N, C-alpha and C. Protein backbone atom coordinates (compact mmCIF):
# COMPACT_ATOMS: atom_id res chain seq x y z
N MET A 1 141.85 121.46 46.24
CA MET A 1 142.00 120.51 45.25
C MET A 1 140.71 119.48 45.26
N THR A 2 140.44 118.93 44.12
CA THR A 2 139.26 118.03 44.19
C THR A 2 139.86 116.71 44.34
N GLU A 3 138.97 115.81 44.87
CA GLU A 3 139.40 114.42 45.12
C GLU A 3 139.07 113.53 43.87
N PRO A 4 139.81 112.61 43.59
CA PRO A 4 139.44 111.78 42.51
C PRO A 4 138.14 111.07 42.54
N ALA A 5 137.43 110.90 41.53
CA ALA A 5 136.08 110.34 41.54
C ALA A 5 136.18 108.83 41.74
N ASP A 6 137.29 108.25 41.31
CA ASP A 6 137.29 106.82 41.45
C ASP A 6 138.18 106.28 42.58
N LYS A 7 138.18 106.92 43.75
CA LYS A 7 138.90 106.43 44.91
C LYS A 7 138.19 105.13 45.39
N PRO A 8 138.95 104.20 45.87
CA PRO A 8 138.49 102.77 46.13
C PRO A 8 137.44 102.73 47.24
N SER A 9 137.34 103.49 48.16
CA SER A 9 136.39 103.40 49.19
C SER A 9 134.92 103.96 48.81
N ALA A 10 134.92 104.74 47.83
CA ALA A 10 133.64 105.40 47.49
C ALA A 10 132.66 104.35 47.02
N PRO A 11 132.95 103.45 46.15
CA PRO A 11 131.84 102.52 45.74
C PRO A 11 131.51 101.61 46.87
N LEU A 12 132.40 101.14 47.75
CA LEU A 12 132.00 100.37 48.94
C LEU A 12 131.01 101.03 49.74
N THR A 13 131.28 102.30 50.12
CA THR A 13 130.40 103.08 50.88
C THR A 13 129.03 103.24 50.25
N ARG A 14 128.95 103.58 48.98
CA ARG A 14 127.85 103.75 48.19
C ARG A 14 126.97 102.46 48.16
N ASP A 15 127.71 101.29 47.99
CA ASP A 15 127.10 99.98 47.94
C ASP A 15 126.44 99.65 49.28
N ARG A 16 127.19 99.97 50.37
CA ARG A 16 126.65 99.60 51.72
C ARG A 16 125.35 100.49 52.01
N LEU A 17 125.48 101.75 51.58
CA LEU A 17 124.29 102.62 51.78
C LEU A 17 123.06 102.13 50.95
N ALA A 18 123.35 101.76 49.78
CA ALA A 18 122.26 101.23 48.79
C ALA A 18 121.63 99.96 49.45
N LEU A 19 122.47 99.10 49.95
CA LEU A 19 121.93 97.87 50.67
C LEU A 19 121.14 98.18 51.89
N GLU A 20 121.63 99.20 52.56
CA GLU A 20 120.79 99.58 53.85
C GLU A 20 119.48 100.17 53.46
N ARG A 21 119.52 101.01 52.41
CA ARG A 21 118.23 101.61 51.92
C ARG A 21 117.23 100.53 51.47
N THR A 22 117.87 99.54 50.79
CA THR A 22 116.95 98.45 50.25
C THR A 22 116.41 97.59 51.48
N ARG A 23 117.20 97.43 52.46
CA ARG A 23 116.74 96.74 53.63
C ARG A 23 115.53 97.53 54.36
N LEU A 24 115.79 98.79 54.46
CA LEU A 24 114.73 99.61 55.14
C LEU A 24 113.46 99.64 54.26
N ALA A 25 113.63 99.62 52.84
CA ALA A 25 112.47 99.60 52.01
C ALA A 25 111.74 98.38 52.16
N ASN A 26 112.47 97.28 52.34
CA ASN A 26 111.85 95.93 52.59
C ASN A 26 111.07 95.88 53.90
N GLU A 27 111.69 96.46 54.86
CA GLU A 27 110.91 96.63 56.16
C GLU A 27 109.68 97.35 56.06
N ARG A 28 109.79 98.48 55.42
CA ARG A 28 108.55 99.32 55.35
C ARG A 28 107.46 98.45 54.55
N THR A 29 107.88 97.83 53.54
CA THR A 29 106.89 97.00 52.73
C THR A 29 106.30 95.99 53.61
N GLY A 30 107.11 95.27 54.41
CA GLY A 30 106.62 94.24 55.27
C GLY A 30 105.57 94.77 56.34
N LEU A 31 105.94 96.02 56.85
CA LEU A 31 105.04 96.58 57.70
C LEU A 31 103.76 97.00 57.11
N ALA A 32 103.79 97.48 55.85
CA ALA A 32 102.54 97.79 55.02
C ALA A 32 101.68 96.58 54.81
N TYR A 33 102.29 95.47 54.49
CA TYR A 33 101.51 94.23 54.47
C TYR A 33 100.86 93.91 55.79
N ALA A 34 101.60 93.99 56.88
CA ALA A 34 100.95 93.68 58.10
C ALA A 34 99.88 94.68 58.48
N ARG A 35 100.09 95.91 58.21
CA ARG A 35 99.02 96.87 58.50
C ARG A 35 97.83 96.66 57.68
N THR A 36 97.98 96.25 56.48
CA THR A 36 96.78 95.93 55.62
C THR A 36 96.10 94.69 56.10
N ALA A 37 96.85 93.67 56.48
CA ALA A 37 96.20 92.40 57.12
C ALA A 37 95.48 92.73 58.33
N ILE A 38 95.99 93.52 59.23
CA ILE A 38 95.31 93.81 60.39
C ILE A 38 94.07 94.63 60.14
N MET A 39 94.02 95.55 59.25
CA MET A 39 92.85 96.34 58.95
C MET A 39 91.72 95.50 58.26
N LEU A 40 92.19 94.59 57.46
CA LEU A 40 91.23 93.73 56.78
C LEU A 40 90.61 92.85 57.87
N ALA A 41 91.40 92.26 58.78
CA ALA A 41 90.81 91.49 59.78
C ALA A 41 89.92 92.26 60.78
N ALA A 42 90.24 93.56 61.10
CA ALA A 42 89.45 94.28 61.97
C ALA A 42 88.18 94.67 61.30
N THR A 43 88.23 94.89 60.05
CA THR A 43 86.92 95.23 59.27
C THR A 43 85.95 94.03 59.16
N GLY A 44 86.59 92.85 59.02
CA GLY A 44 85.79 91.69 58.98
C GLY A 44 85.20 91.33 60.36
N VAL A 45 86.00 91.52 61.33
CA VAL A 45 85.43 91.40 62.79
C VAL A 45 84.33 92.38 63.05
N SER A 46 84.51 93.61 62.68
CA SER A 46 83.46 94.69 62.83
C SER A 46 82.20 94.30 62.12
N LEU A 47 82.28 93.79 60.87
CA LEU A 47 81.11 93.42 60.19
C LEU A 47 80.41 92.21 60.99
N LEU A 48 81.13 91.38 61.46
CA LEU A 48 80.49 90.16 62.20
C LEU A 48 79.91 90.67 63.56
N LYS A 49 80.50 91.58 64.16
CA LYS A 49 80.09 91.89 65.49
C LYS A 49 78.93 92.93 65.37
N PHE A 50 78.93 93.81 64.61
CA PHE A 50 78.03 94.99 64.54
C PHE A 50 76.90 94.90 63.44
N PHE A 51 77.29 94.15 62.35
CA PHE A 51 76.32 94.14 61.17
C PHE A 51 75.94 92.70 60.87
N ASN A 52 75.74 91.89 61.88
CA ASN A 52 75.44 90.48 61.83
C ASN A 52 73.93 90.29 61.58
N GLU A 53 73.43 90.87 60.57
CA GLU A 53 72.02 90.81 60.33
C GLU A 53 71.60 89.97 59.18
N GLY A 54 72.50 89.51 58.31
CA GLY A 54 72.13 88.80 57.17
C GLY A 54 73.35 87.93 56.59
N PRO A 55 73.07 86.99 55.82
CA PRO A 55 74.03 86.12 55.35
C PRO A 55 75.14 86.84 54.53
N LEU A 56 74.72 87.93 53.91
CA LEU A 56 75.81 88.61 53.10
C LEU A 56 76.84 89.25 53.96
N SER A 57 76.49 89.87 55.08
CA SER A 57 77.41 90.59 55.98
C SER A 57 78.34 89.49 56.58
N VAL A 58 77.78 88.31 56.86
CA VAL A 58 78.54 87.34 57.62
C VAL A 58 79.54 86.76 56.57
N ALA A 59 79.14 86.57 55.41
CA ALA A 59 79.94 86.01 54.36
C ALA A 59 81.09 87.03 54.04
N VAL A 60 80.76 88.29 53.91
CA VAL A 60 81.76 89.28 53.66
C VAL A 60 82.79 89.45 54.84
N GLY A 61 82.22 89.48 56.05
CA GLY A 61 83.12 89.34 57.16
C GLY A 61 84.01 88.41 57.35
N TRP A 62 83.61 87.03 57.06
CA TRP A 62 84.59 85.94 57.10
C TRP A 62 85.53 85.94 55.95
N GLY A 63 84.96 86.47 54.69
CA GLY A 63 85.85 86.63 53.59
C GLY A 63 86.95 87.64 53.87
N LEU A 64 86.73 88.80 54.53
CA LEU A 64 87.71 89.73 54.86
C LEU A 64 88.72 89.15 55.83
N ILE A 65 88.20 88.39 56.77
CA ILE A 65 89.11 87.75 57.80
C ILE A 65 90.10 86.72 56.97
N ALA A 66 89.52 85.99 56.09
CA ALA A 66 90.37 85.03 55.36
C ALA A 66 91.39 85.74 54.45
N LEU A 67 90.88 86.80 53.84
CA LEU A 67 91.76 87.61 53.02
C LEU A 67 92.89 88.24 53.77
N ALA A 68 92.63 88.61 55.02
CA ALA A 68 93.63 89.17 55.94
C ALA A 68 94.75 88.10 56.14
N GLY A 69 94.35 86.91 56.37
CA GLY A 69 95.33 85.80 56.57
C GLY A 69 96.20 85.60 55.32
N VAL A 70 95.54 85.70 54.18
CA VAL A 70 96.32 85.48 52.87
C VAL A 70 97.31 86.68 52.70
N VAL A 71 96.75 87.92 52.89
CA VAL A 71 97.69 89.00 52.70
C VAL A 71 98.78 88.96 53.68
N GLY A 72 98.55 88.62 54.99
CA GLY A 72 99.63 88.52 56.01
C GLY A 72 100.65 87.56 55.68
N VAL A 73 100.23 86.38 55.20
CA VAL A 73 101.22 85.23 54.83
C VAL A 73 101.95 85.63 53.57
N ALA A 74 101.29 86.21 52.58
CA ALA A 74 102.04 86.61 51.44
C ALA A 74 102.95 87.73 51.69
N GLY A 75 102.70 88.61 52.55
CA GLY A 75 103.62 89.67 52.89
C GLY A 75 104.83 89.22 53.65
N TRP A 76 104.53 88.22 54.63
CA TRP A 76 105.56 87.67 55.46
C TRP A 76 106.55 86.86 54.43
N ARG A 77 106.02 86.18 53.52
CA ARG A 77 106.87 85.36 52.67
C ARG A 77 107.66 86.25 51.72
N ARG A 78 107.13 87.37 51.26
CA ARG A 78 107.83 88.30 50.37
C ARG A 78 108.89 88.97 51.13
N PHE A 79 108.57 89.40 52.36
CA PHE A 79 109.58 90.14 53.29
C PHE A 79 110.76 89.17 53.56
N GLN A 80 110.50 87.92 53.97
CA GLN A 80 111.48 87.00 54.32
C GLN A 80 112.32 86.63 53.07
N GLY A 81 111.76 86.37 51.95
CA GLY A 81 112.41 86.16 50.69
C GLY A 81 113.38 87.11 50.34
N LEU A 82 113.10 88.44 50.36
CA LEU A 82 113.98 89.43 50.10
C LEU A 82 115.07 89.63 51.09
N ALA A 83 114.71 89.41 52.51
CA ALA A 83 115.69 89.61 53.50
C ALA A 83 116.69 88.47 53.34
N HIS A 84 116.34 87.22 52.90
CA HIS A 84 117.30 86.21 52.78
C HIS A 84 118.25 86.55 51.59
N ARG A 85 117.69 87.06 50.48
CA ARG A 85 118.50 87.35 49.33
C ARG A 85 119.39 88.57 49.70
N LEU A 86 119.05 89.49 50.43
CA LEU A 86 119.86 90.60 50.81
C LEU A 86 121.00 90.12 51.86
N ALA A 87 120.73 89.17 52.56
CA ALA A 87 121.79 88.67 53.56
C ALA A 87 122.96 88.01 52.81
N GLU A 88 122.75 87.50 51.66
CA GLU A 88 123.75 86.73 50.89
C GLU A 88 124.85 87.71 50.48
């Protein structure tokens, strides 16, 4: 026999699983922001360390380090904002 499609526990399980998938997606997105910020900072430091021959490379290096900070903060705020909304 087939089970009824509208049994009461099915939507609750489906909703819990959807919420968990959303939390995991938020975590992956947060980690992607962190990875991007780390790579921007590493590239900026590399420019300053190894290609410190002119004002352009110094400016680009410091710009990448500053951009890494902006990306890191923006990613953290976005991650925390969605995490708080999901906790409600």
